[in-house]
Amino acid sequence: MSTKLTLRLDDKLINNAKKAARSRGVSLSKMVGDYFNTISSQQKKEIQESPVLSEISGILPPRTDVKKLIKSYKRHLEEKYR
């Protein structure tokens, strides 16, 4: 069952959200509903992830050595800012 929900938001925010929904090929209602589903299901998780993080998760290989990754990134920054 669908029920209407009225939200009061800044005009600029609404326009940007509509553009984002249009670029994804979904309605704003669907996008908001998906967001609500995401945050509802995340309450069960110990670590909270944002919808954006959920979208990009899976970029790194599943067995990435985090310590090695951080060390490599620190090396990169040191070389970059010499």
N, C-alpha and C. Protein backbone atom coordinates (compact mmCIF):
# COMPACT_ATOMS: atom_id res chain seq x y z
N MET A 1 0.84 -1.18 0.00
CA MET A 1 0.00 0.00 0.00
C MET A 1 0.88 1.25 0.00
N SER A 2 0.56 2.20 -0.82
CA SER A 2 1.29 3.47 -0.87
C SER A 2 0.51 4.55 -0.15
N THR A 3 1.23 5.38 0.58
CA THR A 3 0.62 6.49 1.30
C THR A 3 1.40 7.75 0.95
N LYS A 4 0.67 8.84 0.78
CA LYS A 4 1.29 10.11 0.45
C LYS A 4 2.00 10.68 1.67
N LEU A 5 3.20 11.24 1.45
CA LEU A 5 3.98 11.87 2.51
C LEU A 5 4.34 13.27 2.05
N THR A 6 4.11 14.24 2.88
CA THR A 6 4.45 15.63 2.56
C THR A 6 5.69 16.02 3.35
N LEU A 7 6.69 16.53 2.64
CA LEU A 7 7.93 16.99 3.27
C LEU A 7 8.10 18.47 2.97
N ARG A 8 8.61 19.21 3.91
CA ARG A 8 8.92 20.62 3.70
C ARG A 8 10.43 20.76 3.67
N LEU A 9 10.93 21.08 2.47
CA LEU A 9 12.38 21.19 2.25
C LEU A 9 12.68 22.45 1.47
N ASP A 10 13.93 22.86 1.50
CA ASP A 10 14.41 24.01 0.75
C ASP A 10 14.20 23.78 -0.75
N ASP A 11 13.76 24.83 -1.48
CA ASP A 11 13.51 24.71 -2.92
C ASP A 11 14.71 24.20 -3.70
N LYS A 12 15.88 24.72 -3.35
CA LYS A 12 17.10 24.33 -4.05
C LYS A 12 17.38 22.83 -3.84
N LEU A 13 17.18 22.36 -2.63
CA LEU A 13 17.38 20.95 -2.31
C LEU A 13 16.41 20.09 -3.11
N ILE A 14 15.18 20.50 -3.20
CA ILE A 14 14.18 19.74 -3.95
C ILE A 14 14.55 19.68 -5.44
N ASN A 15 14.95 20.82 -6.00
CA ASN A 15 15.32 20.84 -7.42
C ASN A 15 16.53 19.96 -7.69
N ASN A 16 17.54 20.02 -6.80
CA ASN A 16 18.72 19.16 -6.97
C ASN A 16 18.36 17.69 -6.85
N ALA A 17 17.47 17.37 -5.92
CA ALA A 17 17.04 15.98 -5.74
C ALA A 17 16.27 15.49 -6.97
N LYS A 18 15.43 16.34 -7.54
CA LYS A 18 14.69 15.96 -8.75
C LYS A 18 15.65 15.71 -9.91
N LYS A 19 16.68 16.55 -10.05
CA LYS A 19 17.67 16.35 -11.10
C LYS A 19 18.42 15.03 -10.90
N ALA A 20 18.78 14.74 -9.66
CA ALA A 20 19.49 13.49 -9.36
C ALA A 20 18.62 12.29 -9.68
N ALA A 21 17.35 12.35 -9.33
CA ALA A 21 16.43 11.25 -9.63
C ALA A 21 16.27 11.08 -11.13
N ARG A 22 16.11 12.20 -11.83
CA ARG A 22 15.96 12.16 -13.30
C ARG A 22 17.19 11.54 -13.95
N SER A 23 18.38 11.91 -13.47
CA SER A 23 19.62 11.38 -14.06
C SER A 23 19.76 9.88 -13.79
N ARG A 24 19.15 9.39 -12.71
CA ARG A 24 19.18 7.95 -12.41
C ARG A 24 18.03 7.20 -13.07
N GLY A 25 17.11 7.94 -13.67
CA GLY A 25 15.98 7.31 -14.36
C GLY A 25 14.93 6.76 -13.41
N VAL A 26 14.79 7.39 -12.23
CA VAL A 26 13.77 6.97 -11.27
C VAL A 26 13.00 8.20 -10.80
N SER A 27 11.87 7.95 -10.18
CA SER A 27 11.10 9.07 -9.63
C SER A 27 11.72 9.49 -8.31
N LEU A 28 11.43 10.71 -7.92
CA LEU A 28 11.93 11.20 -6.65
C LEU A 28 11.32 10.39 -5.50
N SER A 29 10.06 10.00 -5.64
CA SER A 29 9.42 9.17 -4.62
C SER A 29 10.15 7.84 -4.46
N LYS A 30 10.53 7.23 -5.57
CA LYS A 30 11.25 5.95 -5.53
C LYS A 30 12.61 6.14 -4.86
N MET A 31 13.30 7.22 -5.22
CA MET A 31 14.62 7.48 -4.66
C MET A 31 14.53 7.70 -3.14
N VAL A 32 13.54 8.47 -2.69
CA VAL A 32 13.36 8.71 -1.26
C VAL A 32 12.97 7.41 -0.55
N GLY A 33 12.09 6.64 -1.17
CA GLY A 33 11.69 5.35 -0.60
C GLY A 33 12.87 4.41 -0.45
N ASP A 34 13.73 4.38 -1.49
CA ASP A 34 14.93 3.54 -1.42
C ASP A 34 15.85 4.00 -0.29
N TYR A 35 15.96 5.31 -0.13
CA TYR A 35 16.80 5.85 0.94
C TYR A 35 16.24 5.43 2.31
N PHE A 36 14.92 5.55 2.47
CA PHE A 36 14.30 5.15 3.73
C PHE A 36 14.53 3.66 4.00
N ASN A 37 14.42 2.83 2.95
CA ASN A 37 14.68 1.40 3.11
C ASN A 37 16.12 1.16 3.55
N THR A 38 17.03 1.90 2.96
CA THR A 38 18.45 1.75 3.28
C THR A 38 18.71 2.08 4.75
N ILE A 39 18.21 3.21 5.19
CA ILE A 39 18.48 3.59 6.58
C ILE A 39 17.74 2.69 7.57
N SER A 40 16.59 2.17 7.17
CA SER A 40 15.85 1.25 8.05
C SER A 40 16.61 -0.05 8.22
N SER A 41 17.15 -0.57 7.13
CA SER A 41 17.87 -1.85 7.21
C SER A 41 19.23 -1.68 7.89
N GLN A 42 19.78 -0.49 7.84
CA GLN A 42 21.09 -0.25 8.44
C GLN A 42 21.02 -0.18 9.96
N GLN A 43 19.85 0.05 10.50
CA GLN A 43 19.73 0.11 11.96
C GLN A 43 20.13 -1.23 12.57
N LYS A 44 20.02 -2.29 11.79
CA LYS A 44 20.37 -3.61 12.28
C LYS A 44 21.88 -3.84 12.24
N LYS A 45 22.57 -3.05 11.44
CA LYS A 45 24.01 -3.19 11.30
C LYS A 45 24.73 -2.44 12.41
N GLU A 46 25.91 -2.92 12.76
CA GLU A 46 26.70 -2.25 13.79
C GLU A 46 27.31 -0.97 13.24
N ILE A 47 27.79 -1.01 12.01
CA ILE A 47 28.41 0.15 11.38
C ILE A 47 27.42 0.77 10.40
N GLN A 48 27.16 2.07 10.56
CA GLN A 48 26.23 2.76 9.68
C GLN A 48 26.96 3.19 8.40
N GLU A 49 26.35 2.91 7.26
CA GLU A 49 26.91 3.32 5.98
C GLU A 49 25.92 4.27 5.32
N SER A 50 26.44 5.25 4.60
CA SER A 50 25.56 6.16 3.88
C SER A 50 25.11 5.51 2.58
N PRO A 51 24.03 6.00 1.96
CA PRO A 51 23.60 5.45 0.67
C PRO A 51 24.68 5.57 -0.40
N VAL A 52 25.44 6.65 -0.33
CA VAL A 52 26.52 6.83 -1.30
C VAL A 52 27.56 5.74 -1.12
N LEU A 53 27.93 5.47 0.13
CA LEU A 53 28.89 4.43 0.40
C LEU A 53 28.36 3.08 -0.06
N SER A 54 27.09 2.84 0.14
CA SER A 54 26.50 1.59 -0.33
C SER A 54 26.58 1.48 -1.85
N GLU A 55 26.40 2.63 -2.52
CA GLU A 55 26.46 2.65 -3.98
C GLU A 55 27.84 2.29 -4.49
N ILE A 56 28.89 2.78 -3.82
CA ILE A 56 30.24 2.56 -4.33
C ILE A 56 30.92 1.36 -3.72
N SER A 57 30.26 0.70 -2.77
CA SER A 57 30.89 -0.46 -2.15
C SER A 57 31.13 -1.53 -3.20
N GLY A 58 32.19 -2.27 -3.03
CA GLY A 58 32.54 -3.29 -4.00
C GLY A 58 33.62 -2.83 -4.96
N ILE A 59 34.08 -1.60 -4.83
CA ILE A 59 35.13 -1.11 -5.70
C ILE A 59 36.45 -1.82 -5.41
N LEU A 60 36.77 -1.99 -4.14
CA LEU A 60 38.01 -2.68 -3.77
C LEU A 60 37.79 -4.18 -3.78
N PRO A 61 38.82 -4.93 -4.11
CA PRO A 61 38.69 -6.38 -4.04
C PRO A 61 38.32 -6.81 -2.62
N PRO A 62 37.60 -7.91 -2.47
CA PRO A 62 37.11 -8.30 -1.15
C PRO A 62 38.20 -8.55 -0.11
N ARG A 63 39.37 -8.96 -0.52
CA ARG A 63 40.43 -9.25 0.45
C ARG A 63 41.54 -8.21 0.43
N THR A 64 41.16 -6.96 0.38
CA THR A 64 42.13 -5.88 0.38
C THR A 64 42.75 -5.74 1.77
N ASP A 65 44.09 -5.69 1.82
CA ASP A 65 44.79 -5.50 3.08
C ASP A 65 44.75 -4.01 3.42
N VAL A 66 43.94 -3.65 4.38
CA VAL A 66 43.71 -2.25 4.73
C VAL A 66 44.99 -1.57 5.19
N LYS A 67 45.80 -2.25 6.01
CA LYS A 67 47.05 -1.66 6.49
C LYS A 67 47.98 -1.35 5.32
N LYS A 68 48.05 -2.27 4.38
CA LYS A 68 48.89 -2.07 3.20
C LYS A 68 48.37 -0.89 2.37
N LEU A 69 47.07 -0.82 2.24
CA LEU A 69 46.43 0.25 1.48
C LEU A 69 46.73 1.62 2.11
N ILE A 70 46.62 1.72 3.43
CA ILE A 70 46.90 2.97 4.14
C ILE A 70 48.37 3.35 4.00
N LYS A 71 49.25 2.37 4.15
CA LYS A 71 50.68 2.62 4.01
C LYS A 71 51.01 3.13 2.61
N SER A 72 50.40 2.51 1.61
CA SER A 72 50.62 2.92 0.22
C SER A 72 50.12 4.34 -0.01
N TYR A 73 48.97 4.66 0.57
CA TYR A 73 48.41 6.00 0.40
C TYR A 73 49.28 7.05 1.09
N LYS A 74 49.80 6.73 2.27
CA LYS A 74 50.70 7.65 2.97
C LYS A 74 51.95 7.91 2.14
N ARG A 75 52.49 6.84 1.55
CA ARG A 75 53.66 6.99 0.67
C ARG A 75 53.33 7.91 -0.51
N HIS A 76 52.17 7.71 -1.08
CA HIS A 76 51.72 8.54 -2.21
C HIS A 76 51.68 10.02 -1.80
N LEU A 77 51.10 10.30 -0.62
CA LEU A 77 51.00 11.68 -0.16
C LEU A 77 52.37 12.29 0.12
N GLU A 78 53.27 11.50 0.70
CA GLU A 78 54.61 11.99 0.98
C GLU A 78 55.33 12.37 -0.32
N GLU A 79 55.20 11.53 -1.33
CA GLU A 79 55.84 11.83 -2.63
C GLU A 79 55.19 13.03 -3.29
N LYS A 80 53.88 13.12 -3.18
CA LYS A 80 53.15 14.19 -3.82
C LYS A 80 53.52 15.56 -3.24
N TYR A 81 53.71 15.64 -1.93
CA TYR A 81 53.94 16.91 -1.28
C TYR A 81 55.39 17.15 -0.87
N ARG A 82 56.33 16.57 -1.56
CA ARG A 82 57.75 16.83 -1.29
C ARG A 82 58.15 18.17 -1.80
